[in-house]
């Protein structure tokens, strides 16, 4: 006698497959492994997971790690920070989340202390950037995922503007964010970040935009304002900056 099938909107699934799906939902597993499910079901679900993967009911994230396909869009940030650990959302993704840029990105950018490869997840991509442990700080948990605090998201992006839409886009985000930032916290985080070149660059930008004057340690040599552009013969002596980009 043929086993009865349970019908969903898109797929025909068996009772055993349905039990696994219900177990995932009941235990609120945003991501899960065969080992975790085995502990809950008291049997190995590996073969059934492969069937669910073929039916696109679950999606493979990385080795032995899956998520329910229907939940990907809603839980993108949580999936990213639980798959790559430790990590927090930053760069352009965080700036977009906070509303400092109008640009929307399909890329989920996370900062971590370990080496990870990018992860493709349907129409999205999770891009990890490795930071030294002393620069992995100033993040908080929102809605089950870790994200940089506003001040740290701006500092991370100014340190690596190529990860935030480029130099000019990062400056726009700084200007949009400035009224919402805790200025004392911003300076303290910048000190803790401990990058003299970044101090010089941010010091020049803040003063040029008439936002704030800061007095932090800077290099003895000159640094490029926009590190992605060629050197010019324009200089700012106070911050030892080579001015190779205008500020919008």
Protein backbone atom coordinates (compact mmCIF):
# COMPACT_ATOMS: atom_id res chain seq x y z
CA UNK A 1 0.00 0.00 0.00
CA UNK A 2 1.40 3.39 -0.98
CA UNK A 3 2.25 5.80 1.85
CA UNK A 4 -0.06 8.81 2.07
CA UNK A 5 1.38 12.14 0.93
CA UNK A 6 0.95 15.54 2.50
CA UNK A 7 0.41 18.34 0.02
CA UNK A 8 1.88 21.84 0.42
CA UNK A 9 1.33 24.77 -1.93
CA UNK A 10 4.28 23.76 -4.11
CA UNK A 11 5.43 20.29 -3.09
CA UNK A 12 4.11 16.85 -2.26
CA UNK A 13 5.85 15.64 0.88
CA UNK A 14 5.69 12.47 2.94
CA UNK A 15 4.71 12.20 6.59
CA UNK A 16 8.33 11.62 7.56
CA UNK A 17 9.44 14.73 5.67
CA UNK A 18 6.62 16.72 7.23
CA UNK A 19 7.63 15.55 10.71
CA UNK A 20 11.15 16.89 10.14
CA UNK A 21 9.81 20.22 8.91
CA UNK A 22 7.51 20.51 11.92
CA UNK A 23 10.40 19.63 14.26
CA UNK A 24 12.51 22.43 12.74
CA UNK A 25 9.67 24.93 13.14
CA UNK A 26 8.66 23.79 16.63
CA UNK A 27 12.23 24.22 17.89
CA UNK A 28 12.64 27.53 16.02
CA UNK A 29 15.80 26.37 14.26
CA UNK A 30 16.76 29.16 11.88
CA UNK A 31 19.77 27.07 10.85
CA UNK A 32 20.23 23.41 11.68
CA UNK A 33 22.51 20.42 11.20
CA UNK A 34 21.75 16.72 10.75
CA UNK A 35 23.31 16.11 14.17
CA UNK A 36 20.91 18.56 15.86
CA UNK A 37 17.91 16.96 14.18
CA UNK A 38 19.11 13.46 15.05
CA UNK A 39 19.10 14.42 18.74
CA UNK A 40 15.52 15.67 18.44
CA UNK A 41 14.18 12.83 16.26
CA UNK A 42 16.18 9.90 17.67
CA UNK A 43 17.16 8.81 14.17
CA UNK A 44 19.47 10.06 11.42
CA UNK A 45 17.63 12.40 8.99
CA UNK A 46 20.50 12.68 6.47
CA UNK A 47 18.78 10.91 3.55
CA UNK A 48 15.50 12.73 4.12
CA UNK A 49 17.30 16.08 4.27
CA UNK A 50 18.74 15.34 0.83
CA UNK A 51 15.20 14.75 -0.45
CA UNK A 52 14.00 18.01 1.09
CA UNK A 53 16.96 19.79 -0.46
CA UNK A 54 16.11 18.40 -3.92
CA UNK A 55 12.53 19.64 -3.46
CA UNK A 56 13.97 23.06 -2.46
CA UNK A 57 12.11 22.94 0.85
CA UNK A 58 15.42 23.36 2.67
CA UNK A 59 18.53 25.16 1.42
CA UNK A 60 22.12 24.09 1.98
CA UNK A 61 24.19 26.93 3.48
CA UNK A 62 27.54 25.23 4.08
CA UNK A 63 28.81 21.78 5.04
CA UNK A 64 26.18 20.05 7.22
CA UNK A 65 24.25 23.28 7.70
CA UNK A 66 20.76 24.03 6.33
CA UNK A 67 17.83 26.41 6.65
CA UNK A 68 14.17 26.33 5.62
CA UNK A 69 13.99 27.94 2.19
CA UNK A 70 10.76 29.81 2.99
CA UNK A 71 12.46 31.58 5.90
CA UNK A 72 15.60 32.83 4.13
CA UNK A 73 14.40 36.33 3.25
CA UNK A 74 12.97 37.02 6.72
CA UNK A 75 16.01 35.68 8.59
CA UNK A 76 18.91 36.70 6.35
CA UNK A 77 20.86 38.60 9.00
CA UNK A 78 20.35 35.93 11.64
CA UNK A 79 21.39 33.19 9.22
CA UNK A 80 24.53 35.17 8.35
CA UNK A 81 25.65 35.79 11.93
CA UNK A 82 24.77 32.28 13.14
CA UNK A 83 26.49 30.60 10.19
CA UNK A 84 29.65 32.70 10.49
CA UNK A 85 30.70 32.91 14.12
CA UNK A 86 31.72 35.05 15.79
CA UNK A 87 30.45 37.85 13.58
CA UNK A 88 28.40 41.01 13.31
CA UNK A 89 26.74 42.88 10.42
CA UNK A 90 28.64 45.98 9.30
CA UNK A 91 29.75 48.06 6.29
CA UNK A 92 27.14 48.95 3.66
CA UNK A 93 24.69 46.35 4.99
CA UNK A 94 24.59 48.01 8.41
CA UNK A 95 24.48 51.51 6.91
CA UNK A 96 21.47 50.45 4.84
CA UNK A 97 19.80 48.86 7.88
CA UNK A 98 20.17 52.10 9.86
CA UNK A 99 18.84 54.18 6.95
CA UNK A 100 22.09 56.10 6.37
CA UNK A 101 22.02 55.19 2.66
CA UNK A 102 19.18 54.78 0.21
CA UNK A 103 21.08 52.03 -1.56
CA UNK A 104 19.85 48.48 -1.06
CA UNK A 105 22.21 45.55 -1.40
CA UNK A 106 21.71 41.82 -1.87
CA UNK A 107 25.01 41.27 -0.09
CA UNK A 108 25.12 40.61 3.64
CA UNK A 109 28.47 41.87 4.94
CA UNK A 110 29.75 40.53 8.24
CA UNK A 111 32.92 41.10 10.21
CA UNK A 112 34.50 38.10 11.90
CA UNK A 113 37.75 37.13 13.60
CA UNK A 114 38.15 33.93 11.58
CA UNK A 115 38.77 33.08 7.93
CA UNK A 116 35.58 32.21 6.06
CA UNK A 117 34.69 31.88 2.40
CA UNK A 118 31.73 33.82 0.93
CA UNK A 119 28.43 31.96 1.07
CA UNK A 120 25.85 31.99 -1.73
CA UNK A 121 22.28 31.85 -0.44
CA UNK A 122 19.63 32.00 -3.19
CA UNK A 123 19.72 35.57 -4.55
CA UNK A 124 21.93 36.76 -1.70
CA UNK A 125 25.58 36.46 -0.81
CA UNK A 126 27.14 36.52 2.65
CA UNK A 127 30.55 38.22 2.50
CA UNK A 128 32.82 37.86 5.56
CA UNK A 129 35.71 40.22 6.32
CA UNK A 130 38.33 39.13 8.84
CA UNK A 131 39.30 41.67 11.53
CA UNK A 132 41.94 41.46 14.20
CA UNK A 133 40.44 40.65 17.59
CA UNK A 134 41.26 44.12 18.96
CA UNK A 135 39.02 45.71 16.28
CA UNK A 136 36.17 43.27 16.78
CA UNK A 137 33.99 45.28 19.16
CA UNK A 138 31.02 47.67 19.49
CA UNK A 139 28.18 45.50 18.21
CA UNK A 140 24.81 44.61 19.70
CA UNK A 141 22.05 42.04 19.25
CA UNK A 142 18.92 43.22 17.44
CA UNK A 143 16.15 40.82 16.41
CA UNK A 144 18.36 37.74 16.96
CA UNK A 145 21.37 38.97 14.98
CA UNK A 146 24.53 40.91 15.83
CA UNK A 147 25.06 44.27 14.14
CA UNK A 148 27.62 47.03 14.58
CA UNK A 149 26.54 49.99 16.65
CA UNK A 150 25.93 53.05 14.48
CA UNK A 151 29.22 54.66 15.44
CA UNK A 152 31.23 51.50 14.74
CA UNK A 153 29.45 50.86 11.42
CA UNK A 154 30.58 54.31 10.25
CA UNK A 155 34.17 53.75 11.47
CA UNK A 156 34.36 50.30 9.83
CA UNK A 157 33.09 51.82 6.58
CA UNK A 158 35.49 54.77 6.66
CA UNK A 159 38.33 52.31 7.23
CA UNK A 160 37.24 50.22 4.24
CA UNK A 161 35.09 52.44 1.99
CA UNK A 162 35.32 49.85 -0.79
CA UNK A 163 32.97 47.76 1.38
CA UNK A 164 30.46 50.59 1.71
CA UNK A 165 29.87 51.75 -1.85
CA UNK A 166 33.13 53.64 -2.25
CA UNK A 167 34.61 56.82 -0.78
CA UNK A 168 31.90 59.28 -1.84
CA UNK A 169 29.04 57.02 -0.75
CA UNK A 170 30.71 56.52 2.64
CA UNK A 171 31.00 60.30 3.10
CA UNK A 172 27.28 60.66 2.31
CA UNK A 173 26.51 58.03 4.93
CA UNK A 174 28.69 59.85 7.49
CA UNK A 175 26.83 63.10 6.88
CA UNK A 176 23.44 61.37 7.11
CA UNK A 177 24.44 59.52 10.27
CA UNK A 178 26.16 62.34 12.13
CA UNK A 179 23.07 63.81 13.86
CA UNK A 180 22.25 60.35 15.28
CA UNK A 181 25.73 59.43 16.45
CA UNK A 182 26.94 59.66 20.01
CA UNK A 183 29.97 61.87 19.40
CA UNK A 184 31.84 60.86 22.56
CA UNK A 185 31.30 57.18 21.77
CA UNK A 186 32.40 57.74 18.17
CA UNK A 187 35.72 59.27 19.30
CA UNK A 188 36.28 56.56 21.90
CA UNK A 189 35.68 53.84 19.32
CA UNK A 190 38.03 55.59 16.92
CA UNK A 191 40.74 55.65 19.61
CA UNK A 192 40.13 52.00 20.36
CA UNK A 193 40.34 51.14 16.65
CA UNK A 194 43.92 52.41 16.89
CA UNK A 195 44.70 53.35 13.29
CA UNK A 196 46.68 56.57 12.84
CA UNK A 197 45.96 56.81 9.12
CA UNK A 198 42.23 56.46 9.79
CA UNK A 199 42.49 59.11 12.53
CA UNK A 200 44.05 61.52 10.04
CA UNK A 201 41.51 60.79 7.33
CA UNK A 202 38.48 61.10 9.61
CA UNK A 203 39.91 64.16 11.34
CA UNK A 204 40.31 65.93 8.00
CA UNK A 205 36.84 64.87 6.79
CA UNK A 206 35.04 65.97 9.96
CA UNK A 207 36.76 69.35 10.01
CA UNK A 208 36.29 69.93 6.27
CA UNK A 209 32.57 69.15 6.57
CA UNK A 210 32.38 71.43 9.64
CA UNK A 211 31.06 68.61 11.80
CA UNK A 212 33.71 68.38 14.53
CA UNK A 213 37.38 68.97 15.30
CA UNK A 214 39.25 66.06 16.81
CA UNK A 215 42.78 65.71 18.12
CA UNK A 216 44.01 62.13 17.77
CA UNK A 217 47.43 60.69 17.00
CA UNK A 218 48.25 60.73 13.28
CA UNK A 219 51.15 59.31 11.20
CA UNK A 220 54.39 61.20 10.68
CA UNK A 221 54.05 60.59 6.93
CA UNK A 222 51.31 61.78 4.58
CA UNK A 223 48.34 59.54 3.75
CA UNK A 224 45.90 59.50 0.84
CA UNK A 225 42.43 60.87 1.55
CA UNK A 226 40.93 58.39 -0.91
CA UNK A 227 43.16 55.34 -0.93
CA UNK A 228 41.61 54.14 -4.19
CA UNK A 229 42.82 57.18 -6.17
CA UNK A 230 46.18 58.41 -7.36
CA UNK A 231 48.37 60.83 -5.43
CA UNK A 232 48.07 64.58 -6.13
CA UNK A 233 50.15 67.61 -5.18
CA UNK A 234 47.53 68.97 -2.79
CA UNK A 235 48.22 68.56 0.92
CA UNK A 236 46.73 69.30 4.30
CA UNK A 237 49.56 69.84 6.79
CA UNK A 238 47.45 69.63 9.95
CA UNK A 239 46.29 66.07 9.29
CA UNK A 240 49.11 65.13 6.88
CA UNK A 241 46.56 64.21 4.23
CA UNK A 242 47.14 64.08 0.48
CA UNK A 243 43.93 65.62 -0.89
CA UNK A 244 43.09 63.51 -3.91
CA UNK A 245 39.29 63.70 -3.61
CA UNK A 246 36.77 66.47 -3.09
CA UNK A 247 34.17 66.20 -0.34
CA UNK A 248 30.55 66.33 -1.43
